[in-house]
Amino acid sequence: MAVRAFDYACSKGHITEHFTSSMEEEITCPECGLLSSRQISTPQVKLEGLTGDFPGAYRKWEAVRQEKMTIENKRNS
């Protein structure tokens, strides 16, 4: 089972990041000792700097476009 970082929050508002398995729903708050529940974290999205596109999508579009242009150029010659 993979271990990764999750955010947990207790009823007193303490938020902590803890490395646990995805099955771990609650942990003990390291600051106050109360139970802390796992929170839904904001997803990390990386966009291409100039266009705002997703890098993988842009690269795929560019590769497909280049392939089509190569085929078209061969047909026209």
PDB file of N, CA and C in Angstrom:
ATOM      1  N   MET A   1       0.848  -1.175   0.000  1.00  0.00           N
ATOM      2  CA  MET A   1       0.000   0.000   0.000  1.00  0.00           C
ATOM      3  C   MET A   1       0.898   1.244   0.000  1.00  0.00           C
ATOM      4  N   ALA A   2       0.625   2.155  -0.898  1.00  0.00           N
ATOM      5  CA  ALA A   2       1.442   3.363  -1.043  1.00  0.00           C
ATOM      6  C   ALA A   2       1.165   4.358   0.078  1.00  0.00           C
ATOM      7  N   VAL A   3       2.223   5.012   0.496  1.00  0.00           N
ATOM      8  CA  VAL A   3       2.116   6.048   1.517  1.00  0.00           C
ATOM      9  C   VAL A   3       2.320   7.386   0.836  1.00  0.00           C
ATOM     10  N   ARG A   4       1.436   8.344   1.124  1.00  0.00           N
ATOM     11  CA  ARG A   4       1.578   9.678   0.568  1.00  0.00           C
ATOM     12  C   ARG A   4       1.100  10.710   1.571  1.00  0.00           C
ATOM     13  N   ALA A   5       1.302  11.978   1.268  1.00  0.00           N
ATOM     14  CA  ALA A   5       0.968  13.059   2.199  1.00  0.00           C
ATOM     15  C   ALA A   5      -0.501  13.433   2.070  1.00  0.00           C
ATOM     16  N   PHE A   6      -1.160  13.547   3.219  1.00  0.00           N
ATOM     17  CA  PHE A   6      -2.541  14.004   3.286  1.00  0.00           C
ATOM     18  C   PHE A   6      -2.632  15.120   4.319  1.00  0.00           C
ATOM     19  N   ASP A   7      -3.596  16.028   4.148  1.00  0.00           N
ATOM     20  CA  ASP A   7      -3.859  17.075   5.133  1.00  0.00           C
ATOM     21  C   ASP A   7      -4.931  16.578   6.094  1.00  0.00           C
ATOM     22  N   TYR A   8      -4.703  16.860   7.386  1.00  0.00           N
ATOM     23  CA  TYR A   8      -5.657  16.493   8.430  1.00  0.00           C
ATOM     24  C   TYR A   8      -5.972  17.729   9.253  1.00  0.00           C
ATOM     25  N   ALA A   9      -7.235  17.839   9.718  1.00  0.00           N
ATOM     26  CA  ALA A   9      -7.646  18.977  10.547  1.00  0.00           C
ATOM     27  C   ALA A   9      -8.439  18.467  11.742  1.00  0.00           C
ATOM     28  N   CYS A  10      -8.163  19.069  12.923  1.00  0.00           N
ATOM     29  CA  CYS A  10      -8.900  18.712  14.134  1.00  0.00           C
ATOM     30  C   CYS A  10      -9.989  19.757  14.373  1.00  0.00           C
ATOM     31  N   SER A  11     -10.821  19.532  15.387  1.00  0.00           N
ATOM     32  CA  SER A  11     -11.928  20.447  15.680  1.00  0.00           C
ATOM     33  C   SER A  11     -11.452  21.799  16.220  1.00  0.00           C
ATOM     34  N   LYS A  12     -10.195  21.890  16.672  1.00  0.00           N
ATOM     35  CA  LYS A  12      -9.653  23.174  17.137  1.00  0.00           C
ATOM     36  C   LYS A  12      -9.039  23.985  15.995  1.00  0.00           C
ATOM     37  N   GLY A  13      -9.073  23.436  14.783  1.00  0.00           N
ATOM     38  CA  GLY A  13      -8.578  24.170  13.626  1.00  0.00           C
ATOM     39  C   GLY A  13      -7.123  23.952  13.281  1.00  0.00           C
ATOM     40  N   HIS A  14      -6.452  23.050  13.990  1.00  0.00           N
ATOM     41  CA  HIS A  14      -5.061  22.742  13.640  1.00  0.00           C
ATOM     42  C   HIS A  14      -5.045  21.917  12.365  1.00  0.00           C
ATOM     43  N   ILE A  15      -4.240  22.336  11.404  1.00  0.00           N
ATOM     44  CA  ILE A  15      -4.104  21.594  10.147  1.00  0.00           C
ATOM     45  C   ILE A  15      -2.671  21.098  10.054  1.00  0.00           C
ATOM     46  N   THR A  16      -2.538  19.812   9.748  1.00  0.00           N
ATOM     47  CA  THR A  16      -1.217  19.220   9.651  1.00  0.00           C
ATOM     48  C   THR A  16      -1.150  18.304   8.436  1.00  0.00           C
ATOM     49  N   GLU A  17       0.030  18.191   7.874  1.00  0.00           N
ATOM     50  CA  GLU A  17       0.257  17.268   6.765  1.00  0.00           C
ATOM     51  C   GLU A  17       0.932  16.033   7.347  1.00  0.00           C
ATOM     52  N   HIS A  18       0.436  14.863   6.972  1.00  0.00           N
ATOM     53  CA  HIS A  18       0.937  13.625   7.550  1.00  0.00           C
ATOM     54  C   HIS A  18       1.061  12.575   6.453  1.00  0.00           C
ATOM     55  N   PHE A  19       2.153  11.820   6.456  1.00  0.00           N
ATOM     56  CA  PHE A  19       2.339  10.738   5.491  1.00  0.00           C
ATOM     57  C   PHE A  19       1.672   9.488   6.022  1.00  0.00           C
ATOM     58  N   THR A  20       0.604   9.053   5.332  1.00  0.00           N
ATOM     59  CA  THR A  20      -0.139   7.851   5.724  1.00  0.00           C
ATOM     60  C   THR A  20      -0.612   7.125   4.475  1.00  0.00           C
ATOM     61  N   SER A  21      -1.218   5.973   4.697  1.00  0.00           N
ATOM     62  CA  SER A  21      -1.825   5.244   3.581  1.00  0.00           C
ATOM     63  C   SER A  21      -3.165   5.905   3.253  1.00  0.00           C
ATOM     64  N   SER A  22      -3.678   5.612   2.079  1.00  0.00           N
ATOM     65  CA  SER A  22      -4.948   6.215   1.669  1.00  0.00           C
ATOM     66  C   SER A  22      -6.127   5.684   2.491  1.00  0.00           C
ATOM     67  N   MET A  23      -5.919   4.627   3.239  1.00  0.00           N
ATOM     68  CA  MET A  23      -6.978   4.048   4.067  1.00  0.00           C
ATOM     69  C   MET A  23      -7.139   4.782   5.404  1.00  0.00           C
ATOM     70  N   GLU A  24      -6.148   5.542   5.804  1.00  0.00           N
ATOM     71  CA  GLU A  24      -6.142   6.223   7.107  1.00  0.00           C
ATOM     72  C   GLU A  24      -7.029   7.470   7.048  1.00  0.00           C
ATOM     73  N   GLU A  25      -8.218   7.416   7.661  1.00  0.00           N
ATOM     74  CA  GLU A  25      -9.171   8.534   7.640  1.00  0.00           C
ATOM     75  C   GLU A  25      -8.947   9.523   8.783  1.00  0.00           C
ATOM     76  N   GLU A  26      -8.455   9.048   9.924  1.00  0.00           N
ATOM     77  CA  GLU A  26      -8.246   9.922  11.085  1.00  0.00           C
ATOM     78  C   GLU A  26      -6.893   9.625  11.723  1.00  0.00           C
ATOM     79  N   ILE A  27      -6.288  10.679  12.274  1.00  0.00           N
ATOM     80  CA  ILE A  27      -5.051  10.550  13.039  1.00  0.00           C
ATOM     81  C   ILE A  27      -5.190  11.407  14.285  1.00  0.00           C
ATOM     82  N   THR A  28      -4.263  11.276  15.208  1.00  0.00           N
ATOM     83  CA  THR A  28      -4.242  12.119  16.401  1.00  0.00           C
ATOM     84  C   THR A  28      -3.517  13.414  16.066  1.00  0.00           C
ATOM     85  N   CYS A  29      -4.126  14.543  16.406  1.00  0.00           N
ATOM     86  CA  CYS A  29      -3.524  15.845  16.154  1.00  0.00           C
ATOM     87  C   CYS A  29      -2.236  15.970  16.968  1.00  0.00           C
ATOM     88  N   PRO A  30      -1.113  16.303  16.320  1.00  0.00           N
ATOM     89  CA  PRO A  30       0.148  16.416  17.046  1.00  0.00           C
ATOM     90  C   PRO A  30       0.208  17.632  17.978  1.00  0.00           C
ATOM     91  N   GLU A  31      -0.694  18.606  17.789  1.00  0.00           N
ATOM     92  CA  GLU A  31      -0.673  19.807  18.632  1.00  0.00           C
ATOM     93  C   GLU A  31      -1.542  19.693  19.881  1.00  0.00           C
ATOM     94  N   CYS A  32      -2.744  19.083  19.730  1.00  0.00           N
ATOM     95  CA  CYS A  32      -3.653  19.060  20.880  1.00  0.00           C
ATOM     96  C   CYS A  32      -4.098  17.657  21.292  1.00  0.00           C
ATOM     97  N   GLY A  33      -3.831  16.644  20.479  1.00  0.00           N
ATOM     98  CA  GLY A  33      -4.189  15.280  20.840  1.00  0.00           C
ATOM     99  C   GLY A  33      -5.598  14.858  20.446  1.00  0.00           C
ATOM    100  N   LEU A  34      -6.401  15.758  19.865  1.00  0.00           N
ATOM    101  CA  LEU A  34      -7.743  15.396  19.409  1.00  0.00           C
ATOM    102  C   LEU A  34      -7.643  14.634  18.090  1.00  0.00           C
ATOM    103  N   LEU A  35      -8.750  13.989  17.715  1.00  0.00           N
ATOM    104  CA  LEU A  35      -8.766  13.298  16.429  1.00  0.00           C
ATOM    105  C   LEU A  35      -8.810  14.311  15.291  1.00  0.00           C
ATOM    106  N   SER A  36      -8.016  14.076  14.281  1.00  0.00           N
ATOM    107  CA  SER A  36      -7.979  14.923  13.086  1.00  0.00           C
ATOM    108  C   SER A  36      -8.506  14.111  11.916  1.00  0.00           C
ATOM    109  N   SER A  37      -9.395  14.707  11.130  1.00  0.00           N
ATOM    110  CA  SER A  37      -9.967  14.045   9.966  1.00  0.00           C
ATOM    111  C   SER A  37      -9.223  14.449   8.709  1.00  0.00           C
ATOM    112  N   ARG A  38      -9.107  13.516   7.786  1.00  0.00           N
ATOM    113  CA  ARG A  38      -8.439  13.804   6.516  1.00  0.00           C
ATOM    114  C   ARG A  38      -9.283  14.792   5.715  1.00  0.00           C
ATOM    115  N   GLN A  39      -8.623  15.771   5.125  1.00  0.00           N
ATOM    116  CA  GLN A  39      -9.271  16.825   4.356  1.00  0.00           C
ATOM    117  C   GLN A  39      -9.086  16.581   2.864  1.00  0.00           C
ATOM    118  N   ILE A  40      -9.999  17.111   2.082  1.00  0.00           N
ATOM    119  CA  ILE A  40      -9.840  17.062   0.639  1.00  0.00           C
ATOM    120  C   ILE A  40      -8.889  18.185   0.270  1.00  0.00           C
ATOM    121  N   SER A  41      -7.787  17.841  -0.348  1.00  0.00           N
ATOM    122  CA  SER A  41      -6.763  18.813  -0.697  1.00  0.00           C
ATOM    123  C   SER A  41      -7.023  19.400  -2.072  1.00  0.00           C
ATOM    124  N   THR A  42      -6.508  20.592  -2.279  1.00  0.00           N
ATOM    125  CA  THR A  42      -6.595  21.231  -3.578  1.00  0.00           C
ATOM    126  C   THR A  42      -5.696  20.493  -4.559  1.00  0.00           C
ATOM    127  N   PRO A  43      -6.213  20.155  -5.732  1.00  0.00           N
ATOM    128  CA  PRO A  43      -5.360  19.452  -6.695  1.00  0.00           C
ATOM    129  C   PRO A  43      -4.288  20.376  -7.253  1.00  0.00           C
ATOM    130  N   GLN A  44      -3.155  19.796  -7.617  1.00  0.00           N
ATOM    131  CA  GLN A  44      -2.080  20.568  -8.218  1.00  0.00           C
ATOM    132  C   GLN A  44      -2.193  20.436  -9.733  1.00  0.00           C
ATOM    133  N   VAL A  45      -2.305  21.570 -10.394  1.00  0.00           N
ATOM    134  CA  VAL A  45      -2.432  21.588 -11.843  1.00  0.00           C
ATOM    135  C   VAL A  45      -1.298  22.426 -12.403  1.00  0.00           C
ATOM    136  N   LYS A  46      -0.592  21.869 -13.358  1.00  0.00           N
ATOM    137  CA  LYS A  46       0.506  22.594 -13.986  1.00  0.00           C
ATOM    138  C   LYS A  46       0.099  22.954 -15.403  1.00  0.00           C
ATOM    139  N   LEU A  47       0.057  24.249 -15.691  1.00  0.00           N
ATOM    140  CA  LEU A  47      -0.298  24.714 -17.019  1.00  0.00           C
ATOM    141  C   LEU A  47       0.932  25.257 -17.718  1.00  0.00           C
ATOM    142  N   GLU A  48       0.921  25.210 -19.040  1.00  0.00           N
ATOM    143  CA  GLU A  48       1.995  25.758 -19.852  1.00  0.00           C
ATOM    144  C   GLU A  48       1.989  27.272 -19.668  1.00  0.00           C
ATOM    145  N   GLY A  49       3.158  27.870 -19.525  1.00  0.00           N
ATOM    146  CA  GLY A  49       3.285  29.277 -19.168  1.00  0.00           C
ATOM    147  C   GLY A  49       2.712  30.285 -20.134  1.00  0.00           C
ATOM    148  N   LEU A  50       2.847  30.076 -21.425  1.00  0.00           N
ATOM    149  CA  LEU A  50       2.409  31.087 -22.391  1.00  0.00           C
ATOM    150  C   LEU A  50       0.951  30.943 -22.792  1.00  0.00           C
ATOM    151  N   THR A  51       0.519  29.720 -23.056  1.00  0.00           N
ATOM    152  CA  THR A  51      -0.836  29.522 -23.571  1.00  0.00           C
ATOM    153  C   THR A  51      -1.846  29.151 -22.485  1.00  0.00           C
ATOM    154  N   GLY A  52      -1.385  28.636 -21.359  1.00  0.00           N
ATOM    155  CA  GLY A  52      -2.303  28.182 -20.319  1.00  0.00           C
ATOM    156  C   GLY A  52      -2.832  26.784 -20.560  1.00  0.00           C
ATOM    157  N   ASP A  53      -2.334  26.114 -21.599  1.00  0.00           N
ATOM    158  CA  ASP A  53      -2.755  24.740 -21.887  1.00  0.00           C
ATOM    159  C   ASP A  53      -2.052  23.766 -20.957  1.00  0.00           C
ATOM    160  N   PHE A  54      -2.602  22.564 -20.863  1.00  0.00           N
ATOM    161  CA  PHE A  54      -1.932  21.497 -20.144  1.00  0.00           C
ATOM    162  C   PHE A  54      -0.746  21.047 -20.992  1.00  0.00           C
ATOM    163  N   PRO A  55       0.456  20.940 -20.437  1.00  0.00           N
ATOM    164  CA  PRO A  55       1.639  20.608 -21.231  1.00  0.00           C
ATOM    165  C   PRO A  55       1.496  19.316 -22.025  1.00  0.00           C
ATOM    166  N   GLY A  56       0.967  18.279 -21.430  1.00  0.00           N
ATOM    167  CA  GLY A  56       0.818  17.004 -22.132  1.00  0.00           C
ATOM    168  C   GLY A  56      -0.139  17.104 -23.299  1.00  0.00           C
ATOM    169  N   ALA A  57      -1.235  17.820 -23.127  1.00  0.00           N
ATOM    170  CA  ALA A  57      -2.216  17.982 -24.191  1.00  0.00           C
ATOM    171  C   ALA A  57      -1.628  18.774 -25.342  1.00  0.00           C
ATOM    172  N   TYR A  58      -0.867  19.795 -25.034  1.00  0.00           N
ATOM    173  CA  TYR A  58      -0.258  20.611 -26.083  1.00  0.00           C
ATOM    174  C   TYR A  58       0.757  19.796 -26.874  1.00  0.00           C
ATOM    175  N   ARG A  59       1.581  19.034 -26.168  1.00  0.00           N
ATOM    176  CA  ARG A  59       2.584  18.215 -26.852  1.00  0.00           C
ATOM    177  C   ARG A  59       1.929  17.168 -27.751  1.00  0.00           C
ATOM    178  N   LYS A  60       0.849  16.573 -27.267  1.00  0.00           N
ATOM    179  CA  LYS A  60       0.137  15.576 -28.075  1.00  0.00           C
ATOM    180  C   LYS A  60      -0.460  16.253 -29.311  1.00  0.00           C
ATOM    181  N   TRP A  61      -1.107  17.398 -29.142  1.00  0.00           N
ATOM    182  CA  TRP A  61      -1.685  18.117 -30.273  1.00  0.00           C
ATOM    183  C   TRP A  61      -0.599  18.472 -31.279  1.00  0.00           C
ATOM    184  N   GLU A  62       0.534  18.955 -30.783  1.00  0.00           N
ATOM    185  CA  GLU A  62       1.639  19.348 -31.651  1.00  0.00           C
ATOM    186  C   GLU A  62       2.181  18.142 -32.433  1.00  0.00           C
ATOM    187  N   ALA A  63       2.320  16.993 -31.789  1.00  0.00           N
ATOM    188  CA  ALA A  63       2.825  15.788 -32.452  1.00  0.00           C
ATOM    189  C   ALA A  63       1.843  15.315 -33.522  1.00  0.00           C
ATOM    190  N   VAL A  64       0.551  15.297 -33.207  1.00  0.00           N
ATOM    191  CA  VAL A  64      -0.465  14.879 -34.176  1.00  0.00           C
ATOM    192  C   VAL A  64      -0.486  15.847 -35.358  1.00  0.00           C
ATOM    193  N   ARG A  65      -0.400  17.133 -35.076  1.00  0.00           N
ATOM    194  CA  ARG A  65      -0.392  18.148 -36.137  1.00  0.00           C
ATOM    195  C   ARG A  65       0.827  17.953 -37.041  1.00  0.00           C
ATOM    196  N   GLN A  66       1.978  17.741 -36.445  1.00  0.00           N
ATOM    197  CA  GLN A  66       3.203  17.548 -37.222  1.00  0.00           C
ATOM    198  C   GLN A  66       3.092  16.312 -38.103  1.00  0.00           C
ATOM    199  N   GLU A  67       2.529  15.244 -37.567  1.00  0.00           N
ATOM    200  CA  GLU A  67       2.351  14.010 -38.338  1.00  0.00           C
ATOM    201  C   GLU A  67       1.417  14.251 -39.524  1.00  0.00           C
ATOM    202  N   LYS A  68       0.311  14.961 -39.295  1.00  0.00           N
ATOM    203  CA  LYS A  68      -0.625  15.272 -40.379  1.00  0.00           C
ATOM    204  C   LYS A  68       0.034  16.138 -41.441  1.00  0.00           C
ATOM    205  N   MET A  69       0.832  17.120 -41.017  1.00  0.00           N
ATOM    206  CA  MET A  69       1.521  17.990 -41.965  1.00  0.00           C
ATOM    207  C   MET A  69       2.521  17.186 -42.805  1.00  0.00           C
ATOM    208  N   THR A  70       3.222  16.248 -42.204  1.00  0.00           N
ATOM    209  CA  THR A  70       4.178  15.410 -42.924  1.00  0.00           C
ATOM    210  C   THR A  70       3.461  14.567 -43.971  1.00  0.00           C
ATOM    211  N   ILE A  71       2.335  13.966 -43.590  1.00  0.00           N
ATOM    212  CA  ILE A  71       1.552  13.148 -44.527  1.00  0.00           C
ATOM    213  C   ILE A  71       1.036  14.015 -45.673  1.00  0.00           C
ATOM    214  N   GLU A  72       0.508  15.175 -45.349  1.00  0.00           N
ATOM    215  CA  GLU A  72      -0.008  16.081 -46.374  1.00  0.00           C
ATOM    216  C   GLU A  72       1.089  16.547 -47.327  1.00  0.00           C
ATOM    217  N   ASN A  73       2.263  16.861 -46.793  1.00  0.00           N
ATOM    218  CA  ASN A  73       3.378  17.280 -47.640  1.00  0.00           C
ATOM    219  C   ASN A  73       3.838  16.176 -48.589  1.00  0.00           C
ATOM    220  N   LYS A  74       3.810  14.917 -48.111  1.00  0.00           N
ATOM    221  CA  LYS A  74       4.179  13.776 -48.961  1.00  0.00           C
ATOM    222  C   LYS A  74       3.166  13.606 -50.092  1.00  0.00           C
ATOM    223  N   ARG A  75       1.896  13.795 -49.783  1.00  0.00           N
ATOM    224  CA  ARG A  75       0.856  13.669 -50.807  1.00  0.00           C
ATOM    225  C   ARG A  75       0.991  14.745 -51.875  1.00  0.00           C
ATOM    226  N   ASN A  76       1.333  15.953 -51.459  1.00  0.00           N
ATOM    227  CA  ASN A  76       1.411  17.083 -52.382  1.00  0.00           C
ATOM    228  C   ASN A  76       2.684  17.087 -53.218  1.00  0.00           C
ATOM    229  N   SER A  77       3.687  16.283 -52.851  1.00  0.00           N
ATOM    230  CA  SER A  77       4.926  16.310 -53.631  1.00  0.00           C
ATOM    231  C   SER A  77       4.975  15.254 -54.688  1.00  0.00           C
TER     232      SER A  77
END
